[in-house]
């Protein structure tokens, strides 16, 4: 289509330099249209239960044909079953989801990893977990390992490491500027960001680190290779701002394979039905976007934030991180 061929003159040098295909999402959406239709049709027939406190998370990840359903039957096994067997398997697990757990020893352990432990420890202390953010390579790439360690020393429970990107659509002026500064200073690909994390781990960083960013750089790197390398360098998961689960089957499967967390975002405008669907795809925690609009400092919290959090809480017992 003309949209796929279009390149804005003002962004052409940056796109060429960083190899971030600006319109790749439109292409993905087009190529996966039939697949998405199959998922939509099957969702009307199959009630998929993702228990919040069950060690064997169940979620429809993908469909190969109308006659088969591919599901995750545990944290690392992907099984393709006829619909009747898939439905039976899901229904057999439903009862275990009815017990609401209240102690950290019974919290969901998606991959028995650092993220789960961080939230469990905060729960045991009766405190909220503190999730921080920094853009990799800002102000210069040499500083990032030390900044990660300083965040840990300052009490961070979880750290979001932002991947610099030329078009951070969901970010306000502050984070936009950090992206521009980082790219200009030489942080231009994921490999460099992972090297910063690996260096911090070698210097004593122990808190979980989630790679946060936009899908184009991850897609350009290669989903399977990215998850393998991220695990090797000490990452704990991903928050991909602009990747809906309908198009994220490859990432979900790769995260399961390498024991990484794929963390969904839920916005105030998300319907209750959609919240329930997104909650089923989560294994460690859910990112609740506190307000409509872009990231940035605000003088007060939204007046409807409490109602929003209650809506999300009604669909899951996983930890909820509120930000933006």
C-alpha atoms as a PDB file:
ATOM      1  CA  UNK A   1       0.000   0.000   0.000  1.00  0.00           C
ATOM      2  CA  UNK A   2       1.040   3.606  -0.319  1.00  0.00           C
ATOM      3  CA  UNK A   3       1.236   3.859   3.454  1.00  0.00           C
ATOM      4  CA  UNK A   4       3.886   1.153   3.594  1.00  0.00           C
ATOM      5  CA  UNK A   5       5.936   2.873   0.915  1.00  0.00           C
ATOM      6  CA  UNK A   6       5.651   6.344   2.429  1.00  0.00           C
ATOM      7  CA  UNK A   7       8.642   7.883   4.168  1.00  0.00           C
ATOM      8  CA  UNK A   8       8.538  11.354   5.671  1.00  0.00           C
ATOM      9  CA  UNK A   9      11.423  13.513   4.521  1.00  0.00           C
ATOM     10  CA  UNK A  10      12.090  14.793   8.026  1.00  0.00           C
ATOM     11  CA  UNK A  11      12.578  11.256   9.407  1.00  0.00           C
ATOM     12  CA  UNK A  12      14.398   9.617   6.495  1.00  0.00           C
ATOM     13  CA  UNK A  13      17.958  10.105   7.852  1.00  0.00           C
ATOM     14  CA  UNK A  14      17.013   8.795  11.287  1.00  0.00           C
ATOM     15  CA  UNK A  15      15.203   5.793   9.830  1.00  0.00           C
ATOM     16  CA  UNK A  16      18.159   4.918   7.644  1.00  0.00           C
ATOM     17  CA  UNK A  17      20.641   5.335  10.492  1.00  0.00           C
ATOM     18  CA  UNK A  18      18.736   3.321  13.093  1.00  0.00           C
ATOM     19  CA  UNK A  19      16.947   0.899  10.769  1.00  0.00           C
ATOM     20  CA  UNK A  20      13.623   1.367  12.503  1.00  0.00           C
ATOM     21  CA  UNK A  21      10.858   0.706   9.917  1.00  0.00           C
ATOM     22  CA  UNK A  22       8.418   3.497  10.682  1.00  0.00           C
ATOM     23  CA  UNK A  23       5.394   1.836   9.137  1.00  0.00           C
ATOM     24  CA  UNK A  24       6.096  -1.791   9.953  1.00  0.00           C
ATOM     25  CA  UNK A  25       3.041  -2.013  12.214  1.00  0.00           C
ATOM     26  CA  UNK A  26       0.671  -1.300   9.366  1.00  0.00           C
ATOM     27  CA  UNK A  27       2.298  -4.120   7.431  1.00  0.00           C
ATOM     28  CA  UNK A  28       2.057  -6.517  10.366  1.00  0.00           C
ATOM     29  CA  UNK A  29      -1.579  -5.668  10.928  1.00  0.00           C
ATOM     30  CA  UNK A  30      -2.317  -6.297   7.243  1.00  0.00           C
ATOM     31  CA  UNK A  31      -0.442  -9.596   7.087  1.00  0.00           C
ATOM     32  CA  UNK A  32      -2.025 -10.902  10.286  1.00  0.00           C
ATOM     33  CA  UNK A  33      -5.567  -9.848   9.483  1.00  0.00           C
ATOM     34  CA  UNK A  34      -6.857 -13.345   8.701  1.00  0.00           C
ATOM     35  CA  UNK A  35      -5.077 -14.749  11.734  1.00  0.00           C
ATOM     36  CA  UNK A  36      -6.711 -12.118  13.946  1.00  0.00           C
ATOM     37  CA  UNK A  37     -10.108 -13.018  12.486  1.00  0.00           C
ATOM     38  CA  UNK A  38      -9.527 -16.657  13.456  1.00  0.00           C
ATOM     39  CA  UNK A  39      -8.596 -15.645  17.002  1.00  0.00           C
ATOM     40  CA  UNK A  40     -11.706 -13.467  17.262  1.00  0.00           C
ATOM     41  CA  UNK A  41     -13.976 -16.256  16.052  1.00  0.00           C
ATOM     42  CA  UNK A  42     -12.437 -18.829  18.364  1.00  0.00           C
ATOM     43  CA  UNK A  43     -12.694 -16.501  21.343  1.00  0.00           C
ATOM     44  CA  UNK A  44     -16.465 -16.650  20.949  1.00  0.00           C
ATOM     45  CA  UNK A  45     -16.346 -20.437  21.296  1.00  0.00           C
ATOM     46  CA  UNK A  46     -13.606 -21.062  23.819  1.00  0.00           C
ATOM     47  CA  UNK A  47     -13.648 -19.713  27.362  1.00  0.00           C
ATOM     48  CA  UNK A  48      -9.971 -19.395  28.224  1.00  0.00           C
ATOM     49  CA  UNK A  49      -9.145 -19.240  31.931  1.00  0.00           C
ATOM     50  CA  UNK A  50      -5.911 -17.607  33.054  1.00  0.00           C
ATOM     51  CA  UNK A  51      -5.863 -18.242  36.817  1.00  0.00           C
ATOM     52  CA  UNK A  52      -4.098 -15.504  38.722  1.00  0.00           C
ATOM     53  CA  UNK A  53      -2.578 -17.905  41.223  1.00  0.00           C
ATOM     54  CA  UNK A  54      -1.964 -21.109  39.327  1.00  0.00           C
ATOM     55  CA  UNK A  55       1.488 -22.345  38.404  1.00  0.00           C
ATOM     56  CA  UNK A  56       0.268 -23.594  35.008  1.00  0.00           C
ATOM     57  CA  UNK A  57      -0.923 -20.437  33.223  1.00  0.00           C
ATOM     58  CA  UNK A  58      -3.317 -21.006  30.357  1.00  0.00           C
ATOM     59  CA  UNK A  59      -3.686 -18.576  27.490  1.00  0.00           C
ATOM     60  CA  UNK A  60      -4.557 -18.805  23.838  1.00  0.00           C
ATOM     61  CA  UNK A  61      -1.450 -17.554  22.096  1.00  0.00           C
ATOM     62  CA  UNK A  62      -2.087 -18.251  18.434  1.00  0.00           C
ATOM     63  CA  UNK A  63      -4.195 -20.250  15.993  1.00  0.00           C
ATOM     64  CA  UNK A  64      -2.797 -22.329  13.179  1.00  0.00           C
ATOM     65  CA  UNK A  65      -6.031 -23.469  11.535  1.00  0.00           C
ATOM     66  CA  UNK A  66      -9.675 -23.312  12.482  1.00  0.00           C
ATOM     67  CA  UNK A  67      -9.410 -26.989  13.448  1.00  0.00           C
ATOM     68  CA  UNK A  68      -6.620 -26.562  15.957  1.00  0.00           C
ATOM     69  CA  UNK A  69      -5.839 -24.276  18.897  1.00  0.00           C
ATOM     70  CA  UNK A  70      -2.323 -23.587  20.131  1.00  0.00           C
ATOM     71  CA  UNK A  71      -2.183 -22.990  23.898  1.00  0.00           C
ATOM     72  CA  UNK A  72       0.464 -22.630  26.562  1.00  0.00           C
ATOM     73  CA  UNK A  73      -0.051 -25.532  28.968  1.00  0.00           C
ATOM     74  CA  UNK A  74       2.773 -24.433  31.264  1.00  0.00           C
ATOM     75  CA  UNK A  75       5.490 -21.815  31.337  1.00  0.00           C
ATOM     76  CA  UNK A  76       7.600 -23.418  28.641  1.00  0.00           C
ATOM     77  CA  UNK A  77       5.418 -25.863  26.671  1.00  0.00           C
ATOM     78  CA  UNK A  78       3.326 -24.876  23.669  1.00  0.00           C
ATOM     79  CA  UNK A  79       0.795 -27.527  22.607  1.00  0.00           C
ATOM     80  CA  UNK A  80      -1.440 -27.675  19.537  1.00  0.00           C
ATOM     81  CA  UNK A  81      -4.694 -29.512  20.275  1.00  0.00           C
ATOM     82  CA  UNK A  82      -8.030 -30.132  18.562  1.00  0.00           C
ATOM     83  CA  UNK A  83     -10.681 -27.730  19.908  1.00  0.00           C
ATOM     84  CA  UNK A  84     -12.429 -30.420  21.977  1.00  0.00           C
ATOM     85  CA  UNK A  85      -9.225 -31.374  23.801  1.00  0.00           C
ATOM     86  CA  UNK A  86      -8.189 -27.742  24.254  1.00  0.00           C
ATOM     87  CA  UNK A  87     -11.557 -26.825  25.747  1.00  0.00           C
ATOM     88  CA  UNK A  88     -11.428 -29.854  28.047  1.00  0.00           C
ATOM     89  CA  UNK A  89      -7.922 -28.937  29.178  1.00  0.00           C
ATOM     90  CA  UNK A  90      -8.942 -25.353  29.953  1.00  0.00           C
ATOM     91  CA  UNK A  91     -12.127 -26.340  31.752  1.00  0.00           C
ATOM     92  CA  UNK A  92     -10.255 -28.828  33.946  1.00  0.00           C
ATOM     93  CA  UNK A  93      -8.138 -25.939  35.239  1.00  0.00           C
ATOM     94  CA  UNK A  94     -10.965 -23.507  35.923  1.00  0.00           C
ATOM     95  CA  UNK A  95     -11.784 -24.681  39.429  1.00  0.00           C
ATOM     96  CA  UNK A  96      -8.281 -23.974  40.675  1.00  0.00           C
ATOM     97  CA  UNK A  97      -8.734 -20.319  39.747  1.00  0.00           C
ATOM     98  CA  UNK A  98     -11.550 -19.862  42.229  1.00  0.00           C
ATOM     99  CA  UNK A  99      -9.383 -19.829  45.341  1.00  0.00           C
ATOM    100  CA  UNK A 100      -8.349 -16.266  46.052  1.00  0.00           C
ATOM    101  CA  UNK A 101      -4.889 -16.166  47.612  1.00  0.00           C
ATOM    102  CA  UNK A 102      -3.763 -13.468  50.022  1.00  0.00           C
ATOM    103  CA  UNK A 103      -0.203 -14.317  51.067  1.00  0.00           C
ATOM    104  CA  UNK A 104       3.021 -13.907  49.151  1.00  0.00           C
ATOM    105  CA  UNK A 105       3.770 -17.636  49.406  1.00  0.00           C
ATOM    106  CA  UNK A 106       0.747 -18.281  47.191  1.00  0.00           C
ATOM    107  CA  UNK A 107       1.248 -15.441  44.705  1.00  0.00           C
ATOM    108  CA  UNK A 108       1.521 -16.357  41.036  1.00  0.00           C
ATOM    109  CA  UNK A 109       5.023 -17.372  40.055  1.00  0.00           C
ATOM    110  CA  UNK A 110       5.045 -16.982  36.299  1.00  0.00           C
ATOM    111  CA  UNK A 111       8.706 -17.953  36.003  1.00  0.00           C
ATOM    112  CA  UNK A 112       9.828 -18.134  39.636  1.00  0.00           C
ATOM    113  CA  UNK A 113      11.965 -15.103  38.924  1.00  0.00           C
ATOM    114  CA  UNK A 114      13.078 -11.748  40.263  1.00  0.00           C
ATOM    115  CA  UNK A 115       9.883  -9.885  39.342  1.00  0.00           C
ATOM    116  CA  UNK A 116       7.662 -12.174  41.380  1.00  0.00           C
ATOM    117  CA  UNK A 117      10.070 -12.018  44.303  1.00  0.00           C
ATOM    118  CA  UNK A 118      10.195  -8.209  44.222  1.00  0.00           C
ATOM    119  CA  UNK A 119       6.416  -7.891  44.500  1.00  0.00           C
ATOM    120  CA  UNK A 120       6.229 -10.656  47.107  1.00  0.00           C
ATOM    121  CA  UNK A 121       8.799  -8.917  49.305  1.00  0.00           C
ATOM    122  CA  UNK A 122       6.959  -5.595  49.021  1.00  0.00           C
ATOM    123  CA  UNK A 123       3.707  -7.341  49.924  1.00  0.00           C
ATOM    124  CA  UNK A 124       5.280  -8.939  52.986  1.00  0.00           C
ATOM    125  CA  UNK A 125       6.520  -5.497  54.122  1.00  0.00           C
ATOM    126  CA  UNK A 126       3.068  -4.019  53.593  1.00  0.00           C
ATOM    127  CA  UNK A 127       4.461  -1.562  51.046  1.00  0.00           C
ATOM    128  CA  UNK A 128       3.876  -0.694  47.415  1.00  0.00           C
ATOM    129  CA  UNK A 129       6.606  -1.829  45.055  1.00  0.00           C
ATOM    130  CA  UNK A 130       8.554   1.088  43.565  1.00  0.00           C
ATOM    131  CA  UNK A 131       8.980   0.808  39.780  1.00  0.00           C
ATOM    132  CA  UNK A 132      11.454   3.255  38.234  1.00  0.00           C
ATOM    133  CA  UNK A 133      12.337   4.177  34.649  1.00  0.00           C
ATOM    134  CA  UNK A 134      15.465   5.340  32.841  1.00  0.00           C
ATOM    135  CA  UNK A 135      16.267   5.618  29.152  1.00  0.00           C
ATOM    136  CA  UNK A 136      19.283   3.510  28.203  1.00  0.00           C
ATOM    137  CA  UNK A 137      22.185   5.659  27.064  1.00  0.00           C
ATOM    138  CA  UNK A 138      20.949   8.876  28.698  1.00  0.00           C
ATOM    139  CA  UNK A 139      22.792  11.128  29.090  1.00  0.00           C
ATOM    140  CA  UNK A 140      25.621   8.947  27.748  1.00  0.00           C
ATOM    141  CA  UNK A 141      25.855   5.179  27.459  1.00  0.00           C
ATOM    142  CA  UNK A 142      28.758   4.918  29.919  1.00  0.00           C
ATOM    143  CA  UNK A 143      26.501   6.223  32.704  1.00  0.00           C
ATOM    144  CA  UNK A 144      23.657   3.707  32.416  1.00  0.00           C
ATOM    145  CA  UNK A 145      25.139   0.824  34.503  1.00  0.00           C
ATOM    146  CA  UNK A 146      25.897   3.235  37.357  1.00  0.00           C
ATOM    147  CA  UNK A 147      22.398   4.749  37.122  1.00  0.00           C
ATOM    148  CA  UNK A 148      20.821   1.293  37.362  1.00  0.00           C
ATOM    149  CA  UNK A 149      22.894   0.521  40.444  1.00  0.00           C
ATOM    150  CA  UNK A 150      21.975   3.901  41.974  1.00  0.00           C
ATOM    151  CA  UNK A 151      18.281   3.174  41.417  1.00  0.00           C
ATOM    152  CA  UNK A 152      18.716  -0.128  43.224  1.00  0.00           C
ATOM    153  CA  UNK A 153      20.483   1.620  46.109  1.00  0.00           C
ATOM    154  CA  UNK A 154      17.677   4.178  46.190  1.00  0.00           C
ATOM    155  CA  UNK A 155      15.035   1.530  46.786  1.00  0.00           C
ATOM    156  CA  UNK A 156      13.760   0.560  43.339  1.00  0.00           C
ATOM    157  CA  UNK A 157      11.841  -2.720  43.374  1.00  0.00           C
ATOM    158  CA  UNK A 158      11.726  -3.045  39.585  1.00  0.00           C
ATOM    159  CA  UNK A 159      13.550  -1.003  36.928  1.00  0.00           C
ATOM    160  CA  UNK A 160      12.192  -0.228  33.485  1.00  0.00           C
ATOM    161  CA  UNK A 161      15.063   0.232  31.031  1.00  0.00           C
ATOM    162  CA  UNK A 162      13.790   2.295  28.105  1.00  0.00           C
ATOM    163  CA  UNK A 163      15.052   1.400  24.629  1.00  0.00           C
ATOM    164  CA  UNK A 164      15.836   4.618  22.688  1.00  0.00           C
ATOM    165  CA  UNK A 165      13.555   5.086  19.699  1.00  0.00           C
ATOM    166  CA  UNK A 166      13.150   7.786  17.088  1.00  0.00           C
ATOM    167  CA  UNK A 167       9.339   7.987  17.378  1.00  0.00           C
ATOM    168  CA  UNK A 168       8.212   7.400  20.990  1.00  0.00           C
ATOM    169  CA  UNK A 169       4.528   8.049  20.305  1.00  0.00           C
ATOM    170  CA  UNK A 170       3.284   7.505  23.866  1.00  0.00           C
ATOM    171  CA  UNK A 171       5.925   9.681  25.543  1.00  0.00           C
ATOM    172  CA  UNK A 172       5.807  13.342  26.473  1.00  0.00           C
ATOM    173  CA  UNK A 173       8.548  15.916  26.007  1.00  0.00           C
ATOM    174  CA  UNK A 174      10.786  14.738  28.871  1.00  0.00           C
ATOM    175  CA  UNK A 175      11.216  11.141  27.724  1.00  0.00           C
ATOM    176  CA  UNK A 176      11.199  12.228  24.076  1.00  0.00           C
ATOM    177  CA  UNK A 177      14.221  14.367  24.862  1.00  0.00           C
ATOM    178  CA  UNK A 178      16.018  11.537  26.655  1.00  0.00           C
ATOM    179  CA  UNK A 179      15.517   9.360  23.586  1.00  0.00           C
ATOM    180  CA  UNK A 180      16.919  12.041  21.309  1.00  0.00           C
ATOM    181  CA  UNK A 181      19.911  12.671  23.579  1.00  0.00           C
ATOM    182  CA  UNK A 182      20.664   8.945  23.913  1.00  0.00           C
ATOM    183  CA  UNK A 183      20.502   8.332  20.170  1.00  0.00           C
ATOM    184  CA  UNK A 184      22.626  11.382  19.410  1.00  0.00           C
ATOM    185  CA  UNK A 185      25.188  10.209  21.967  1.00  0.00           C
ATOM    186  CA  UNK A 186      25.509   6.845  20.233  1.00  0.00           C
ATOM    187  CA  UNK A 187      22.947   4.478  21.755  1.00  0.00           C
ATOM    188  CA  UNK A 188      21.249   3.293  18.622  1.00  0.00           C
ATOM    189  CA  UNK A 189      20.394  -0.400  18.999  1.00  0.00           C
ATOM    190  CA  UNK A 190      19.214  -3.012  21.475  1.00  0.00           C
ATOM    191  CA  UNK A 191      22.565  -4.784  21.611  1.00  0.00           C
ATOM    192  CA  UNK A 192      24.106  -1.715  23.256  1.00  0.00           C
ATOM    193  CA  UNK A 193      21.253  -1.508  25.776  1.00  0.00           C
ATOM    194  CA  UNK A 194      21.652  -5.177  26.707  1.00  0.00           C
ATOM    195  CA  UNK A 195      25.392  -4.669  27.141  1.00  0.00           C
ATOM    196  CA  UNK A 196      24.661  -1.888  29.646  1.00  0.00           C
ATOM    197  CA  UNK A 197      22.382  -4.209  31.588  1.00  0.00           C
ATOM    198  CA  UNK A 198      24.932  -7.031  31.482  1.00  0.00           C
ATOM    199  CA  UNK A 199      27.587  -4.672  32.827  1.00  0.00           C
ATOM    200  CA  UNK A 200      25.309  -3.585  35.687  1.00  0.00           C
ATOM    201  CA  UNK A 201      24.565  -7.211  36.569  1.00  0.00           C
ATOM    202  CA  UNK A 202      28.284  -7.952  36.739  1.00  0.00           C
ATOM    203  CA  UNK A 203      28.656  -5.043  39.184  1.00  0.00           C
ATOM    204  CA  UNK A 204      25.991  -6.264  41.581  1.00  0.00           C
ATOM    205  CA  UNK A 205      22.594  -5.299  40.152  1.00  0.00           C
ATOM    206  CA  UNK A 206      20.048  -7.759  41.534  1.00  0.00           C
ATOM    207  CA  UNK A 207      16.636  -6.091  41.107  1.00  0.00           C
ATOM    208  CA  UNK A 208      14.501  -7.143  38.133  1.00  0.00           C
ATOM    209  CA  UNK A 209      14.903  -5.124  34.946  1.00  0.00           C
ATOM    210  CA  UNK A 210      12.167  -4.910  32.320  1.00  0.00           C
ATOM    211  CA  UNK A 211      12.978  -3.688  28.816  1.00  0.00           C
ATOM    212  CA  UNK A 212      10.404  -1.054  27.908  1.00  0.00           C
ATOM    213  CA  UNK A 213       9.879   0.411  24.480  1.00  0.00           C
ATOM    214  CA  UNK A 214       8.231   0.190  21.093  1.00  0.00           C
ATOM    215  CA  UNK A 215       7.850  -2.858  18.894  1.00  0.00           C
ATOM    216  CA  UNK A 216       9.778  -1.717  15.813  1.00  0.00           C
ATOM    217  CA  UNK A 217      13.275  -1.998  17.340  1.00  0.00           C
ATOM    218  CA  UNK A 218      12.427  -5.386  18.882  1.00  0.00           C
ATOM    219  CA  UNK A 219      10.987  -6.651  15.600  1.00  0.00           C
ATOM    220  CA  UNK A 220      13.994  -5.365  13.676  1.00  0.00           C
ATOM    221  CA  UNK A 221      16.341  -7.273  16.001  1.00  0.00           C
ATOM    222  CA  UNK A 222      14.334 -10.498  15.700  1.00  0.00           C
ATOM    223  CA  UNK A 223      11.947 -11.681  18.405  1.00  0.00           C
ATOM    224  CA  UNK A 224      13.503 -15.083  19.090  1.00  0.00           C
ATOM    225  CA  UNK A 225      17.074 -13.743  19.072  1.00  0.00           C
ATOM    226  CA  UNK A 226      16.093 -10.781  21.203  1.00  0.00           C
ATOM    227  CA  UNK A 227      14.508 -12.905  23.935  1.00  0.00           C
ATOM    228  CA  UNK A 228      17.454 -15.295  23.981  1.00  0.00           C
ATOM    229  CA  UNK A 229      19.965 -12.439  24.259  1.00  0.00           C
ATOM    230  CA  UNK A 230      17.849 -10.538  26.793  1.00  0.00           C
ATOM    231  CA  UNK A 231      17.751 -13.563  29.077  1.00  0.00           C
ATOM    232  CA  UNK A 232      21.513 -14.055  28.687  1.00  0.00           C
ATOM    233  CA  UNK A 233      22.216 -10.437  29.642  1.00  0.00           C
ATOM    234  CA  UNK A 234      19.974 -10.453  32.708  1.00  0.00           C
ATOM    235  CA  UNK A 235      16.666  -8.955  31.575  1.00  0.00           C
ATOM    236  CA  UNK A 236      13.465 -10.155  33.227  1.00  0.00           C
ATOM    237  CA  UNK A 237      10.798  -9.208  30.720  1.00  0.00           C
ATOM    238  CA  UNK A 238       9.271  -6.694  28.329  1.00  0.00           C
ATOM    239  CA  UNK A 239       6.742  -3.893  28.302  1.00  0.00           C
ATOM    240  CA  UNK A 240       6.013  -3.210  24.628  1.00  0.00           C
ATOM    241  CA  UNK A 241       3.935  -0.069  24.506  1.00  0.00           C
ATOM    242  CA  UNK A 242       2.409  -0.430  21.039  1.00  0.00           C
ATOM    243  CA  UNK A 243       1.993  -4.197  20.623  1.00  0.00           C
ATOM    244  CA  UNK A 244      -1.554  -5.540  21.134  1.00  0.00           C
ATOM    245  CA  UNK A 245      -1.742  -9.207  22.167  1.00  0.00           C
ATOM    246  CA  UNK A 246      -3.497 -10.126  18.919  1.00  0.00           C
ATOM    247  CA  UNK A 247      -0.243  -9.314  17.112  1.00  0.00           C
ATOM    248  CA  UNK A 248       2.093 -10.432  19.889  1.00  0.00           C
ATOM    249  CA  UNK A 249       1.898 -14.227  19.656  1.00  0.00           C
ATOM    250  CA  UNK A 250       5.549 -14.557  18.612  1.00  0.00           C
ATOM    251  CA  UNK A 251       6.733 -12.451  21.539  1.00  0.00           C
ATOM    252  CA  UNK A 252       4.475 -14.312  23.992  1.00  0.00           C
ATOM    253  CA  UNK A 253       5.812 -17.687  22.884  1.00  0.00           C
ATOM    254  CA  UNK A 254       9.435 -16.543  22.965  1.00  0.00           C
ATOM    255  CA  UNK A 255       8.963 -15.069  26.450  1.00  0.00           C
ATOM    256  CA  UNK A 256       7.531 -18.375  27.659  1.00  0.00           C
ATOM    257  CA  UNK A 257      10.435 -20.251  26.102  1.00  0.00           C
ATOM    258  CA  UNK A 258      13.110 -18.143  27.799  1.00  0.00           C
ATOM    259  CA  UNK A 259      11.339 -17.531  31.101  1.00  0.00           C
ATOM    260  CA  UNK A 260      10.685 -13.825  30.520  1.00  0.00           C
ATOM    261  CA  UNK A 261       7.646 -11.787  31.519  1.00  0.00           C
ATOM    262  CA  UNK A 262       5.495 -10.173  28.820  1.00  0.00           C
ATOM    263  CA  UNK A 263       3.722  -7.382  30.710  1.00  0.00           C
ATOM    264  CA  UNK A 264       0.475  -5.982  29.260  1.00  0.00           C
ATOM    265  CA  UNK A 265      -0.659  -2.373  29.554  1.00  0.00           C
ATOM    266  CA  UNK A 266      -4.234  -1.441  30.439  1.00  0.00           C
ATOM    267  CA  UNK A 267      -5.564   2.084  29.889  1.00  0.00           C
ATOM    268  CA  UNK A 268      -8.495   3.914  31.535  1.00  0.00           C
ATOM    269  CA  UNK A 269     -10.367   3.667  28.230  1.00  0.00           C
ATOM    270  CA  UNK A 270     -10.009  -0.136  28.091  1.00  0.00           C
ATOM    271  CA  UNK A 271     -13.348  -1.943  28.292  1.00  0.00           C
ATOM    272  CA  UNK A 272     -14.053  -4.430  31.078  1.00  0.00           C
ATOM    273  CA  UNK A 273     -14.134  -7.261  28.542  1.00  0.00           C
ATOM    274  CA  UNK A 274     -10.764  -6.223  27.151  1.00  0.00           C
ATOM    275  CA  UNK A 275      -9.305  -5.900  30.671  1.00  0.00           C
ATOM    276  CA  UNK A 276     -10.298  -9.489  31.343  1.00  0.00           C
ATOM    277  CA  UNK A 277      -8.610 -10.655  28.149  1.00  0.00           C
ATOM    278  CA  UNK A 278      -5.404  -8.747  28.865  1.00  0.00           C
ATOM    279  CA  UNK A 279      -5.304  -9.984  32.461  1.00  0.00           C
ATOM    280  CA  UNK A 280      -5.262 -13.560  31.193  1.00  0.00           C
ATOM    281  CA  UNK A 281      -2.117 -12.873  29.171  1.00  0.00           C
ATOM    282  CA  UNK A 282      -0.139 -11.621  32.193  1.00  0.00           C
ATOM    283  CA  UNK A 283       2.111 -13.814  34.340  1.00  0.00           C
ATOM    284  CA  UNK A 284       3.802 -11.441  36.803  1.00  0.00           C
ATOM    285  CA  UNK A 285       2.138  -8.016  36.929  1.00  0.00           C
ATOM    286  CA  UNK A 286       0.024  -5.596  34.908  1.00  0.00           C
ATOM    287  CA  UNK A 287       0.944  -2.033  33.972  1.00  0.00           C
ATOM    288  CA  UNK A 288      -2.024   0.279  34.565  1.00  0.00           C
ATOM    289  CA  UNK A 289      -1.749   3.487  32.550  1.00  0.00           C
ATOM    290  CA  UNK A 290      -3.133   6.009  35.007  1.00  0.00           C
ATOM    291  CA  UNK A 291      -4.303   8.603  32.507  1.00  0.00           C
ATOM    292  CA  UNK A 292      -5.087   9.175  28.861  1.00  0.00           C
ATOM    293  CA  UNK A 293      -2.384  11.027  26.964  1.00  0.00           C
ATOM    294  CA  UNK A 294       1.393  10.800  27.008  1.00  0.00           C
ATOM    295  CA  UNK A 295       3.937  10.288  29.766  1.00  0.00           C
ATOM    296  CA  UNK A 296       4.994  13.197  31.945  1.00  0.00           C
ATOM    297  CA  UNK A 297       4.789  14.869  35.338  1.00  0.00           C
ATOM    298  CA  UNK A 298       1.386  16.022  36.565  1.00  0.00           C
ATOM    299  CA  UNK A 299       0.249  18.127  39.487  1.00  0.00           C
ATOM    300  CA  UNK A 300      -2.410  15.662  40.595  1.00  0.00           C
ATOM    301  CA  UNK A 301      -3.703  12.146  40.011  1.00  0.00           C
ATOM    302  CA  UNK A 302      -6.804  11.607  37.843  1.00  0.00           C
ATOM    303  CA  UNK A 303     -10.034  11.780  39.819  1.00  0.00           C
ATOM    304  CA  UNK A 304     -11.251   8.476  38.373  1.00  0.00           C
ATOM    305  CA  UNK A 305      -8.023   6.557  39.089  1.00  0.00           C
ATOM    306  CA  UNK A 306      -9.499   4.675  42.048  1.00  0.00           C
ATOM    307  CA  UNK A 307     -12.456   3.455  39.975  1.00  0.00           C
ATOM    308  CA  UNK A 308     -10.112   2.413  37.173  1.00  0.00           C
ATOM    309  CA  UNK A 309      -7.911   0.370  39.503  1.00  0.00           C
ATOM    310  CA  UNK A 310     -10.994  -1.291  41.005  1.00  0.00           C
ATOM    311  CA  UNK A 311     -12.110  -2.313  37.511  1.00  0.00           C
ATOM    312  CA  UNK A 312      -8.747  -3.921  36.817  1.00  0.00           C
ATOM    313  CA  UNK A 313      -8.563  -5.519  40.262  1.00  0.00           C
ATOM    314  CA  UNK A 314     -11.928  -7.189  39.677  1.00  0.00           C
ATOM    315  CA  UNK A 315     -10.353  -9.139  36.801  1.00  0.00           C
ATOM    316  CA  UNK A 316      -7.073 -10.283  38.361  1.00  0.00           C
ATOM    317  CA  UNK A 317      -5.183 -10.759  41.601  1.00  0.00           C
ATOM    318  CA  UNK A 318      -1.773 -10.139  40.053  1.00  0.00           C
ATOM    319  CA  UNK A 319       0.141  -7.052  41.253  1.00  0.00           C
ATOM    320  CA  UNK A 320      -0.837  -3.799  39.527  1.00  0.00           C
ATOM    321  CA  UNK A 321       1.789  -1.179  38.723  1.00  0.00           C
ATOM    322  CA  UNK A 322       0.319   2.290  38.203  1.00  0.00           C
ATOM    323  CA  UNK A 323       2.280   4.743  36.126  1.00  0.00           C
ATOM    324  CA  UNK A 324       2.684   7.068  33.152  1.00  0.00           C
END
